[in-house]
Amino acid sequence: MSPVDVLDLRFESAADAVVDGDVATLRSLLAEWEGLIRARSQRSHCATLLHYLGANGVEDFRQKSPRNAVEVAEVLLNAGAEIDTVADLYGGSTTLELAATSLHPQEAGVQLALMETLLAHGADPARKGSLIHSCLACNQLAAAEFLAARGLDLDLPAAAGLGRVPLTRELLSGAAPLSATSLDGSVSPAAQGFLWACAYGHDAVIPLFLDRGMPVETKDRFGQTGLHLAAMNCHRSTIQIILQYGSDIEATNSYGGTVLGQALWSAAHARNSDAFLPVINDLCRVGARIPHSLPPISPEIDRILISWGYYPDPAFDG
């Protein structure tokens, strides 16, 4: 067996120990070979063992977070893991950046404690721009709030995405006329703030943008309007506010989905599809057209659609 084969075997076993929370095996492997703590995966991402705690971007079967993630982190860091080592993930990411934007540590209930541990060991939260932006873009609001509470600067998109009304108002007061796009055609910072406010249901923030001229049909890079984003996140009151400003309920995203179509797609792919019942009913009540052919979603949602005049297509093959 060549030295590379030995390294692979030890590293792969150690990576399994990290994501399984098997501290005993991890300590044993680290003690057997002192170079393991600085070794990198021979996979394309070149992650170190510490990166695997981010549960983000590595091989699918290792994208999971153990309940004792903090203990595992302490073992690795005390053994000499470099806190801000970069792996070839998402353009180059540290463990903090991976953990802060990952669903898996959040669902395991360890995300904030793990972030706290990494920061205590000197992780740089501002290494490559706004980590708060990254958290908001990845639907990790709690992680974004956590970072904001630790003093990270809030620009206009971050302030709006976090629902900071006074700060958003202050930042808008000196802003140029609001535009949905930047000069290069990308979503403008102001538009991003408006869209995040819609996505996270910050009802008091939304009028601050619309009253200053932000187009109500502003779209993100996937063609989602604020109304799409509010519907797919079940924010009923937000939907009503945006509709009061004249948003087109039949506007389509880049995939051809209307607001109701997006809500139905989201419901069909959600763990709790019936959480969308009130939103779907509200959209039908204000006249949203029901897509012509739909897969079954849930008995309750199907019943709601039928009550609004939808007749299931028996030929639908999904």
Protein backbone atom coordinates (compact mmCIF):
# COMPACT_ATOMS: atom_id res chain seq x y z
CA MET A 1 0.00 0.00 0.00
CA SER A 2 1.43 3.38 -1.02
CA PRO A 3 1.66 6.39 1.33
CA VAL A 4 -1.15 8.04 -0.65
CA ASP A 5 -3.39 5.01 -0.10
CA VAL A 6 -2.66 5.13 3.63
CA LEU A 7 -3.46 8.85 3.73
CA ASP A 8 -6.71 8.32 1.86
CA LEU A 9 -7.83 5.55 4.17
CA ARG A 10 -7.04 7.52 7.31
CA PHE A 11 -8.56 10.71 5.96
CA GLU A 12 -11.76 9.03 4.78
CA SER A 13 -12.17 7.27 8.11
CA ALA A 14 -11.55 10.52 9.97
CA ALA A 15 -14.06 12.40 7.77
CA ASP A 16 -16.65 9.76 8.63
CA ALA A 17 -15.83 10.16 12.32
CA VAL A 18 -16.30 13.95 12.06
CA VAL A 19 -19.75 13.83 10.49
CA ASP A 20 -20.84 10.93 12.72
CA GLY A 21 -19.67 12.70 15.87
CA ASP A 22 -17.45 9.72 16.74
CA VAL A 23 -14.98 11.55 18.94
CA ALA A 24 -13.22 8.40 20.18
CA THR A 25 -12.35 7.24 16.67
CA LEU A 26 -11.37 10.75 15.64
CA ARG A 27 -8.99 11.14 18.60
CA SER A 28 -7.45 7.75 17.87
CA LEU A 29 -6.85 8.57 14.20
CA LEU A 30 -5.37 11.97 15.01
CA ALA A 31 -3.04 10.36 17.53
CA GLU A 32 -1.87 7.74 15.02
CA TRP A 33 -0.72 10.30 12.47
CA GLU A 34 -0.01 13.90 13.43
CA GLY A 35 -0.22 15.09 9.80
CA LEU A 36 -3.87 14.13 9.55
CA ILE A 37 -5.09 17.41 11.04
CA ARG A 38 -3.57 19.35 8.13
CA ALA A 39 -4.37 16.78 5.44
CA ARG A 40 -6.87 17.49 2.70
CA SER A 41 -9.35 15.33 0.91
CA GLN A 42 -8.18 13.99 -2.43
CA ARG A 43 -11.61 14.84 -3.79
CA SER A 44 -11.94 17.96 -5.95
CA HIS A 45 -12.96 20.22 -3.04
CA CYS A 46 -9.71 19.58 -1.11
CA ALA A 47 -11.49 20.00 2.24
CA THR A 48 -9.76 19.52 5.57
CA LEU A 49 -11.44 17.60 8.37
CA LEU A 50 -12.65 20.86 9.91
CA HIS A 51 -14.50 21.79 6.72
CA TYR A 52 -16.68 18.70 7.07
CA LEU A 53 -18.34 20.30 10.09
CA GLY A 54 -19.81 22.86 7.69
CA ALA A 55 -21.90 20.04 6.13
CA ASN A 56 -22.03 22.03 2.93
CA GLY A 57 -20.74 21.30 -0.55
CA VAL A 58 -18.84 18.12 0.31
CA GLU A 59 -19.98 14.68 -0.83
CA ASP A 60 -23.72 14.21 -0.27
CA PHE A 61 -23.46 11.30 2.15
CA ARG A 62 -21.35 13.44 4.48
CA GLN A 63 -23.62 16.48 4.47
CA LYS A 64 -24.95 15.92 7.96
CA SER A 65 -24.30 17.42 11.37
CA PRO A 66 -23.74 15.46 14.59
CA ARG A 67 -25.37 16.67 17.78
CA ASN A 68 -21.91 16.99 19.34
CA ALA A 69 -20.55 19.15 16.51
CA VAL A 70 -19.08 21.63 19.01
CA GLU A 71 -17.16 18.87 20.78
CA VAL A 72 -15.85 17.61 17.44
CA ALA A 73 -14.80 21.14 16.51
CA GLU A 74 -12.91 21.52 19.78
CA VAL A 75 -11.09 18.23 19.21
CA LEU A 76 -9.99 19.35 15.74
CA LEU A 77 -9.06 22.88 16.74
CA ASN A 78 -7.13 21.76 19.81
CA ALA A 79 -5.27 19.30 17.59
CA GLY A 80 -4.09 22.19 15.41
CA ALA A 81 -6.72 22.66 12.70
CA GLU A 82 -6.32 26.03 11.01
CA ILE A 83 -9.49 28.02 11.58
CA ASP A 84 -9.65 29.93 8.29
CA THR A 85 -8.23 27.37 5.91
CA VAL A 86 -10.09 27.60 2.58
CA ALA A 87 -11.53 24.63 0.70
CA ASP A 88 -12.42 24.72 -2.98
CA LEU A 89 -16.15 25.05 -2.33
CA TYR A 90 -18.36 27.85 -3.67
CA GLY A 91 -15.38 29.81 -4.91
CA GLY A 92 -13.36 29.14 -1.76
CA SER A 93 -14.91 28.81 1.69
CA THR A 94 -13.88 28.47 5.32
CA THR A 95 -15.67 26.27 7.85
CA LEU A 96 -17.49 29.26 9.34
CA GLU A 97 -18.78 30.32 5.94
CA LEU A 98 -19.98 26.79 5.19
CA ALA A 99 -21.65 26.27 8.56
CA ALA A 100 -23.38 29.66 8.55
CA THR A 101 -25.06 28.96 5.20
CA SER A 102 -25.89 25.27 5.61
CA LEU A 103 -29.28 23.76 6.33
CA HIS A 104 -27.86 20.69 8.05
CA PRO A 105 -26.32 22.22 11.20
CA GLN A 106 -29.36 24.47 11.48
CA GLU A 107 -31.74 21.49 11.39
CA ALA A 108 -29.54 19.59 13.86
CA GLY A 109 -29.78 22.52 16.27
CA VAL A 110 -26.02 23.07 16.41
CA GLN A 111 -25.45 25.86 13.91
CA LEU A 112 -25.23 28.84 16.26
CA ALA A 113 -23.19 27.04 18.91
CA LEU A 114 -20.79 25.83 16.22
CA MET A 115 -20.49 29.35 14.80
CA GLU A 116 -19.84 30.68 18.30
CA THR A 117 -17.06 28.12 18.78
CA LEU A 118 -15.44 28.94 15.45
CA LEU A 119 -15.57 32.67 16.17
CA ALA A 120 -14.08 32.10 19.63
CA HIS A 121 -11.14 30.39 17.93
CA GLY A 122 -10.58 33.39 15.67
CA ALA A 123 -12.64 32.67 12.52
CA ASP A 124 -12.96 35.76 10.33
CA PRO A 125 -16.64 36.42 9.49
CA ALA A 126 -15.74 39.19 7.02
CA ARG A 127 -13.11 37.31 5.04
CA LYS A 128 -14.86 37.62 1.69
CA GLY A 129 -17.53 40.28 1.96
CA SER A 130 -20.80 40.09 3.80
CA LEU A 131 -21.44 36.69 5.35
CA ILE A 132 -24.81 38.08 6.41
CA HIS A 133 -25.71 38.41 2.73
CA SER A 134 -24.72 34.80 2.17
CA CYS A 135 -26.86 33.66 5.11
CA LEU A 136 -29.89 35.57 3.85
CA ALA A 137 -29.42 34.21 0.34
CA CYS A 138 -29.37 30.65 1.76
CA ASN A 139 -32.48 31.07 3.94
CA GLN A 140 -30.43 31.07 7.14
CA LEU A 141 -32.05 33.98 8.94
CA ALA A 142 -31.04 32.85 12.45
CA ALA A 143 -27.39 32.70 11.41
CA ALA A 144 -27.66 36.17 9.88
CA GLU A 145 -29.22 37.52 13.08
CA PHE A 146 -26.46 35.83 15.09
CA LEU A 147 -23.75 37.56 13.07
CA ALA A 148 -25.51 40.92 13.22
CA ALA A 149 -25.72 40.63 17.00
CA ARG A 150 -21.94 40.27 17.05
CA GLY A 151 -21.38 43.59 15.39
CA LEU A 152 -21.01 42.83 11.71
CA ASP A 153 -21.77 45.87 9.59
CA LEU A 154 -25.22 46.07 8.06
CA ASP A 155 -25.58 47.66 4.64
CA LEU A 156 -28.96 48.33 3.01
CA PRO A 157 -29.68 44.77 1.79
CA ALA A 158 -28.68 43.27 5.14
CA ALA A 159 -30.67 45.81 7.16
CA ALA A 160 -33.79 45.21 5.08
CA GLY A 161 -33.34 41.44 5.07
CA LEU A 162 -33.10 41.47 8.86
CA GLY A 163 -36.12 43.73 9.23
CA ARG A 164 -34.25 46.65 10.80
CA VAL A 165 -36.78 49.41 10.13
CA PRO A 166 -34.97 52.48 11.54
CA LEU A 167 -31.65 51.52 9.96
CA THR A 168 -33.27 50.73 6.60
CA ARG A 169 -35.05 54.08 6.65
CA GLU A 170 -31.78 55.84 7.49
CA LEU A 171 -29.86 54.09 4.72
CA LEU A 172 -32.61 54.82 2.20
CA SER A 173 -32.72 58.50 3.11
CA GLY A 174 -29.40 59.15 1.41
CA ALA A 175 -29.88 56.72 -1.45
CA ALA A 176 -30.21 57.69 -5.08
CA PRO A 177 -33.54 57.04 -6.84
CA LEU A 178 -34.26 53.36 -6.38
CA SER A 179 -33.70 51.03 -9.31
CA ALA A 180 -34.37 47.32 -9.69
CA THR A 181 -31.08 46.72 -11.49
CA SER A 182 -27.48 47.89 -11.32
CA LEU A 183 -25.59 49.25 -14.31
CA ASP A 184 -24.38 45.76 -15.21
CA GLY A 185 -27.94 44.44 -15.26
CA SER A 186 -27.69 42.53 -11.99
CA VAL A 187 -30.11 42.94 -9.10
CA SER A 188 -29.31 46.27 -7.44
CA PRO A 189 -28.46 46.42 -3.71
CA ALA A 190 -31.70 48.27 -3.00
CA ALA A 191 -33.70 45.69 -4.97
CA GLN A 192 -31.98 42.88 -3.07
CA GLY A 193 -32.97 44.48 0.21
CA PHE A 194 -36.57 44.86 -0.94
CA LEU A 195 -36.74 41.25 -2.13
CA TRP A 196 -35.25 39.89 1.10
CA ALA A 197 -37.78 41.93 3.08
CA CYS A 198 -40.53 40.23 1.06
CA ALA A 199 -38.99 36.77 1.41
CA TYR A 200 -38.66 37.08 5.19
CA GLY A 201 -42.00 38.81 5.76
CA HIS A 202 -40.72 42.12 7.12
CA ASP A 203 -43.96 43.98 6.53
CA ALA A 204 -42.83 47.30 8.00
CA VAL A 205 -39.79 47.42 5.73
CA ILE A 206 -41.49 46.83 2.39
CA PRO A 207 -43.32 50.20 2.13
CA LEU A 208 -40.05 52.02 2.80
CA PHE A 209 -38.87 50.82 -0.61
CA LEU A 210 -42.13 51.01 -2.53
CA ASP A 211 -42.95 54.51 -1.29
CA ARG A 212 -39.56 55.66 -2.61
CA GLY A 213 -40.20 54.29 -6.07
CA MET A 214 -38.92 50.72 -6.02
CA PRO A 215 -40.90 48.97 -8.80
CA VAL A 216 -43.31 46.54 -7.20
CA GLU A 217 -42.55 44.00 -9.95
CA THR A 218 -38.83 43.97 -9.14
CA LYS A 219 -37.44 40.46 -9.73
CA ASP A 220 -34.50 38.45 -8.46
CA ARG A 221 -32.12 36.55 -10.71
CA PHE A 222 -34.64 33.71 -10.98
CA GLY A 223 -37.42 36.06 -12.04
CA GLN A 224 -39.19 35.86 -8.70
CA THR A 225 -41.09 38.99 -7.70
CA GLY A 226 -41.57 40.00 -4.10
CA LEU A 227 -45.03 38.45 -4.35
CA HIS A 228 -43.55 35.11 -5.44
CA LEU A 229 -41.10 35.18 -2.54
CA ALA A 230 -43.74 36.07 0.03
CA ALA A 231 -46.02 33.29 -1.23
CA MET A 232 -43.34 30.60 -1.26
CA ASN A 233 -42.49 31.49 2.34
CA CYS A 234 -46.15 31.60 3.51
CA HIS A 235 -46.21 35.27 4.52
CA ARG A 236 -49.90 36.09 4.17
CA SER A 237 -49.80 39.65 5.46
CA THR A 238 -46.83 40.41 3.23
CA ILE A 239 -48.77 39.23 0.20
CA GLN A 240 -51.60 41.60 1.08
CA ILE A 241 -49.24 44.57 1.43
CA ILE A 242 -47.58 43.91 -1.93
CA LEU A 243 -50.95 43.47 -3.65
CA GLN A 244 -52.07 46.83 -2.27
CA TYR A 245 -49.21 48.38 -4.24
CA GLY A 246 -50.55 46.88 -7.45
CA SER A 247 -48.34 43.84 -7.94
CA ASP A 248 -49.45 41.59 -10.81
CA ILE A 249 -50.69 38.35 -9.33
CA GLU A 250 -50.12 36.64 -12.68
CA ALA A 251 -46.51 37.76 -13.09
CA THR A 252 -44.30 34.83 -14.05
CA ASN A 253 -40.83 33.85 -12.91
CA SER A 254 -38.04 32.55 -15.14
CA TYR A 255 -39.63 29.10 -15.11
CA GLY A 256 -43.03 30.36 -16.23
CA GLY A 257 -44.55 30.00 -12.78
CA THR A 258 -47.15 32.45 -11.53
CA VAL A 259 -47.36 33.37 -7.86
CA LEU A 260 -49.95 30.68 -7.22
CA GLY A 261 -48.00 28.26 -9.39
CA GLN A 262 -44.88 28.88 -7.32
CA ALA A 263 -46.82 28.45 -4.08
CA LEU A 264 -48.21 25.13 -5.32
CA TRP A 265 -44.76 23.96 -6.45
CA SER A 266 -43.32 24.92 -3.05
CA ALA A 267 -46.14 23.09 -1.27
CA ALA A 268 -45.57 19.98 -3.36
CA HIS A 269 -41.89 19.95 -2.34
CA ALA A 270 -42.34 20.97 1.30
CA ARG A 271 -42.15 18.67 4.30
CA ASN A 272 -45.46 20.11 5.49
CA SER A 273 -47.43 20.94 2.37
CA ASP A 274 -50.54 21.91 4.31
CA ALA A 275 -48.69 24.91 5.78
CA PHE A 276 -49.41 26.49 2.40
CA LEU A 277 -53.18 26.06 2.68
CA PRO A 278 -53.96 29.61 3.91
CA VAL A 279 -51.71 31.23 1.28
CA ILE A 280 -53.17 29.14 -1.55
CA ASN A 281 -56.70 29.96 -0.39
CA ASP A 282 -55.86 33.68 -0.16
CA LEU A 283 -54.40 33.74 -3.67
CA CYS A 284 -57.44 31.97 -5.10
CA ARG A 285 -59.71 34.40 -3.25
CA VAL A 286 -58.12 37.41 -4.96
CA GLY A 287 -58.48 35.83 -8.37
CA ALA A 288 -55.24 33.99 -9.09
CA ARG A 289 -55.69 31.61 -12.00
CA ILE A 290 -55.13 27.98 -11.09
CA PRO A 291 -52.65 26.23 -13.41
CA HIS A 292 -54.36 23.99 -15.95
CA SER A 293 -52.77 20.69 -14.93
CA LEU A 294 -51.36 19.83 -11.53
CA PRO A 295 -50.01 16.80 -9.71
CA PRO A 296 -51.82 15.80 -6.52
CA ILE A 297 -50.29 17.76 -3.62
CA SER A 298 -52.25 16.84 -0.51
CA PRO A 299 -55.92 15.99 0.08
CA GLU A 300 -56.52 19.33 1.80
CA ILE A 301 -54.81 21.44 -0.87
CA ASP A 302 -56.50 19.49 -3.66
CA ARG A 303 -59.83 20.06 -1.94
CA ILE A 304 -59.17 23.82 -1.72
CA LEU A 305 -58.34 24.00 -5.43
CA ILE A 306 -61.46 22.04 -6.37
CA SER A 307 -63.56 24.40 -4.25
CA TRP A 308 -62.24 27.26 -6.41
CA GLY A 309 -63.22 25.53 -9.61
CA TYR A 310 -60.20 23.41 -10.44
CA TYR A 311 -60.89 20.02 -11.94
CA PRO A 312 -57.96 17.57 -11.69
CA ASP A 313 -56.69 16.32 -15.03
CA PRO A 314 -56.92 12.50 -14.93
CA ALA A 315 -54.33 12.35 -17.71
CA PHE A 316 -51.69 14.18 -15.67
CA ASP A 317 -48.56 12.05 -15.59
CA GLY A 318 -46.33 14.46 -13.63
